[in-house]
C-alpha cells in the first residue's frame, strides 16, 4: 500500500505541476514533495531522521510516479487526475500514510491530539506543500472530503489501541477506515459544508 501511495501521490503532484506549465524540474519537485513531504515533516516533528532521506526505495517510487504522470499526460493530452484509476490508488496512499503516521506518533508517545495531527499530516502534508509552492490555497482545506478521512482513521486507531487491541490490529482498523471512507467519498462526491 505504501508503494502504491508513493506512486499515486507523486502522480497527483506531477499533474498539478503539468497543469501550471512547469518544466521537468518543477514537475519532479512537486511530484516528489507530494509523495514524501508529509512523511518528512512528521519525522522532523518527532525528532527522527526522515525515512525518505535514508531509503532509496521511497525516492525511487516517487520518481516512478513522476515519470508515469508525464507519460499519462502525453497519452491523454490532458489532466486525468480526477479519474477513478488515479483516485483509488491515491485513496490507498492516504490510507497507508495515515496509518504509518499514527503508528509512528503512538511510538513517539504523543497525546491523542498528537496522534491525530501526525497521522493526518503524514497523509495530507505533501499535497499541502505542493499547493503552497504553487501559491494556492491547499485543496484539502476547501474542496474535498479528504483530510477528514485521515482524521477519522487516526481517531479509530487511537480508540482501538486504547481498547487493548494490538498495534497491528489497530493499524489495520485505521487503514480500512480511511480507505473505505475515502472510496465512499469519491463515489458519492462527499464534501463538507461551506458557509460562503
Protein backbone atom coordinates (compact mmCIF):
# COMPACT_ATOMS: atom_id res chain seq x y z
CA UNK A 1 0.00 0.00 0.00
CA UNK A 2 2.85 2.35 0.79
CA UNK A 3 4.43 1.83 -2.65
CA UNK A 4 1.09 2.40 -4.38
CA UNK A 5 0.64 5.54 -2.30
CA UNK A 6 4.07 6.93 -3.13
CA UNK A 7 3.45 6.47 -6.84
CA UNK A 8 -0.13 7.81 -6.70
CA UNK A 9 0.82 10.88 -4.64
CA UNK A 10 3.71 11.63 -7.00
CA UNK A 11 1.33 11.33 -9.95
CA UNK A 12 -1.11 13.78 -8.33
CA UNK A 13 1.65 16.28 -7.53
CA UNK A 14 3.08 16.00 -11.03
CA UNK A 15 -0.31 16.66 -12.59
CA UNK A 16 -0.56 19.85 -10.52
CA UNK A 17 2.78 20.92 -11.97
CA UNK A 18 1.76 19.96 -15.50
CA UNK A 19 -1.46 21.99 -15.18
CA UNK A 20 0.63 25.02 -14.23
CA UNK A 21 3.04 24.54 -17.14
CA UNK A 22 6.13 23.88 -15.01
CA UNK A 23 9.27 22.46 -16.59
CA UNK A 24 10.70 19.00 -15.93
CA UNK A 25 12.48 20.13 -12.77
CA UNK A 26 9.33 21.74 -11.41
CA UNK A 27 7.27 18.66 -12.22
CA UNK A 28 9.80 16.45 -10.44
CA UNK A 29 10.00 18.69 -7.37
CA UNK A 30 6.22 18.87 -6.98
CA UNK A 31 5.76 15.16 -7.61
CA UNK A 32 8.45 14.09 -5.16
CA UNK A 33 7.38 16.57 -2.47
CA UNK A 34 3.75 15.50 -2.74
CA UNK A 35 4.81 11.88 -2.23
CA UNK A 36 7.38 12.44 0.51
CA UNK A 37 6.61 15.82 2.10
CA UNK A 38 4.12 14.62 4.70
CA UNK A 39 6.36 11.85 5.97
CA UNK A 40 9.41 14.11 6.09
CA UNK A 41 7.51 16.73 8.10
CA UNK A 42 6.17 14.10 10.50
CA UNK A 43 9.61 12.61 11.08
CA UNK A 44 11.10 16.02 11.80
CA UNK A 45 8.37 16.75 14.35
CA UNK A 46 9.18 13.55 16.28
CA UNK A 47 12.95 14.15 16.05
CA UNK A 48 13.68 11.33 13.61
CA UNK A 49 15.85 11.46 10.52
CA UNK A 50 13.24 11.32 7.72
CA UNK A 51 12.97 7.85 6.23
CA UNK A 52 12.77 9.42 2.78
CA UNK A 53 16.33 10.69 3.26
CA UNK A 54 17.75 7.31 4.24
CA UNK A 55 15.79 4.99 1.94
CA UNK A 56 16.42 4.74 -1.78
CA UNK A 57 13.10 2.99 -2.40
CA UNK A 58 10.81 5.85 -1.33
CA UNK A 59 12.54 8.31 -3.63
CA UNK A 60 12.62 5.76 -6.45
CA UNK A 61 8.86 5.10 -6.23
CA UNK A 62 8.20 8.85 -6.17
CA UNK A 63 10.25 9.24 -9.36
CA UNK A 64 8.30 6.38 -10.96
CA UNK A 65 5.13 8.35 -10.16
CA UNK A 66 6.57 11.48 -11.80
CA UNK A 67 7.51 9.52 -14.91
CA UNK A 68 4.07 7.85 -15.01
CA UNK A 69 2.29 11.21 -14.76
CA UNK A 70 4.30 12.61 -17.67
CA UNK A 71 3.52 9.54 -19.80
CA UNK A 72 -0.21 9.69 -18.93
CA UNK A 73 -0.30 13.40 -19.68
CA UNK A 74 1.32 12.83 -23.05
CA UNK A 75 -1.02 9.95 -23.90
CA UNK A 76 -4.29 11.63 -22.83
CA UNK A 77 -3.17 15.19 -23.67
CA UNK A 78 -4.93 16.48 -20.53
CA UNK A 79 -5.08 16.26 -16.76
CA UNK A 80 -6.73 12.97 -15.79
CA UNK A 81 -6.13 13.16 -12.05
CA UNK A 82 -9.89 13.02 -11.41
CA UNK A 83 -10.30 9.57 -12.97
CA UNK A 84 -11.06 6.57 -10.76
CA UNK A 85 -7.88 4.71 -11.77
CA UNK A 86 -5.92 7.64 -10.28
CA UNK A 87 -8.20 8.47 -7.34
CA UNK A 88 -8.43 4.92 -5.95
CA UNK A 89 -4.64 4.41 -5.72
CA UNK A 90 -4.49 7.87 -4.15
CA UNK A 91 -7.04 6.69 -1.56
CA UNK A 92 -4.85 3.65 -0.88
CA UNK A 93 -1.91 6.00 -0.36
CA UNK A 94 -3.89 8.19 2.03
CA UNK A 95 -4.81 5.07 3.98
CA UNK A 96 -1.24 3.77 4.13
CA UNK A 97 0.33 7.12 5.02
CA UNK A 98 -2.25 7.93 7.70
CA UNK A 99 -1.69 4.54 9.30
CA UNK A 100 2.08 4.91 9.21
CA UNK A 101 1.77 8.35 10.76
CA UNK A 102 -0.50 7.06 13.53
CA UNK A 103 1.87 4.23 14.39
CA UNK A 104 4.95 6.47 14.45
CA UNK A 105 3.09 9.02 16.56
CA UNK A 106 1.99 6.32 19.01
CA UNK A 107 5.54 5.01 19.32
CA UNK A 108 6.74 8.58 19.92
CA UNK A 109 4.42 8.66 22.97
CA UNK A 110 2.47 11.76 21.97
CA UNK A 111 -1.04 12.63 23.10
CA UNK A 112 -4.32 11.78 21.38
CA UNK A 113 -4.17 15.08 19.53
CA UNK A 114 -0.56 14.40 18.60
CA UNK A 115 -1.56 11.08 17.03
CA UNK A 116 -4.40 12.67 15.06
CA UNK A 117 -2.24 15.59 13.90
CA UNK A 118 0.77 13.50 12.90
CA UNK A 119 -1.35 10.84 11.18
CA UNK A 120 -3.28 13.45 9.24
CA UNK A 121 -0.14 15.42 8.41
CA UNK A 122 1.51 12.29 7.03
CA UNK A 123 -1.49 11.73 4.77
CA UNK A 124 -2.05 15.27 3.51
CA UNK A 125 1.19 17.16 4.21
CA UNK A 126 2.77 16.57 0.82
CA UNK A 127 -0.26 17.89 -1.01
CA UNK A 128 -0.35 20.99 1.18
CA UNK A 129 3.35 21.64 0.50
CA UNK A 130 2.90 21.32 -3.27
CA UNK A 131 -0.15 23.62 -3.26
CA UNK A 132 1.76 26.17 -1.18
CA UNK A 133 4.67 26.09 -3.66
CA UNK A 134 2.17 26.90 -6.40
CA UNK A 135 0.77 29.79 -4.36
CA UNK A 136 -2.65 28.17 -3.98
CA UNK A 137 -4.96 27.51 -1.04
CA UNK A 138 -4.46 23.78 -0.34
CA UNK A 139 -7.25 21.75 -1.94
CA UNK A 140 -7.77 19.74 1.26
CA UNK A 141 -8.86 22.94 3.03
CA UNK A 142 -11.62 23.87 0.61
CA UNK A 143 -12.63 21.32 -1.96
CA UNK A 144 -12.72 17.70 -0.94
CA UNK A 145 -13.63 15.17 1.77
CA UNK A 146 -10.02 14.12 2.12
CA UNK A 147 -8.33 15.24 5.32
CA UNK A 148 -11.47 14.22 7.21
CA UNK A 149 -10.84 10.60 6.19
CA UNK A 150 -7.38 10.72 7.75
CA UNK A 151 -8.72 12.29 10.93
CA UNK A 152 -11.41 9.62 11.27
CA UNK A 153 -8.85 6.88 10.68
CA UNK A 154 -6.48 8.33 13.29
CA UNK A 155 -9.30 8.51 15.85
CA UNK A 156 -10.23 4.90 15.05
CA UNK A 157 -6.61 3.91 15.58
CA UNK A 158 -6.45 5.65 18.95
CA UNK A 159 -9.71 4.13 20.18
CA UNK A 160 -8.60 0.68 19.03
CA UNK A 161 -5.19 0.78 20.66
CA UNK A 162 -6.60 2.22 23.90
CA UNK A 163 -9.24 -0.53 23.92
CA UNK A 164 -6.48 -3.09 24.27
CA UNK A 165 -6.09 -4.19 20.66
CA UNK A 166 -2.57 -4.80 19.42
CA UNK A 167 -0.74 -2.14 17.44
CA UNK A 168 -1.06 -4.24 14.27
CA UNK A 169 -4.81 -4.73 14.72
CA UNK A 170 -5.27 -1.03 15.41
CA UNK A 171 -3.26 -0.22 12.28
CA UNK A 172 -5.49 -2.47 10.17
CA UNK A 173 -8.60 -0.77 11.58
CA UNK A 174 -7.12 2.65 10.82
CA UNK A 175 -6.15 1.66 7.30
CA UNK A 176 -9.51 0.11 6.44
CA UNK A 177 -11.41 3.04 7.95
CA UNK A 178 -9.53 5.61 5.88
CA UNK A 179 -9.74 3.57 2.68
CA UNK A 180 -13.44 2.76 2.93
CA UNK A 181 -14.48 6.30 3.84
CA UNK A 182 -12.33 7.84 1.12
CA UNK A 183 -13.65 5.47 -1.55
CA UNK A 184 -17.22 6.28 -0.49
CA UNK A 185 -16.37 9.99 -0.62
CA UNK A 186 -15.06 9.56 -4.17
CA UNK A 187 -18.05 7.53 -5.34
CA UNK A 188 -20.68 9.78 -3.77
CA UNK A 189 -18.75 13.06 -4.14
CA UNK A 190 -18.92 13.92 -0.46
CA UNK A 191 -17.96 17.42 0.59
CA UNK A 192 -18.01 19.22 3.90
CA UNK A 193 -20.46 22.14 4.25
CA UNK A 194 -19.32 25.63 3.26
CA UNK A 195 -20.57 28.90 4.69
CA UNK A 196 -19.90 31.41 1.97
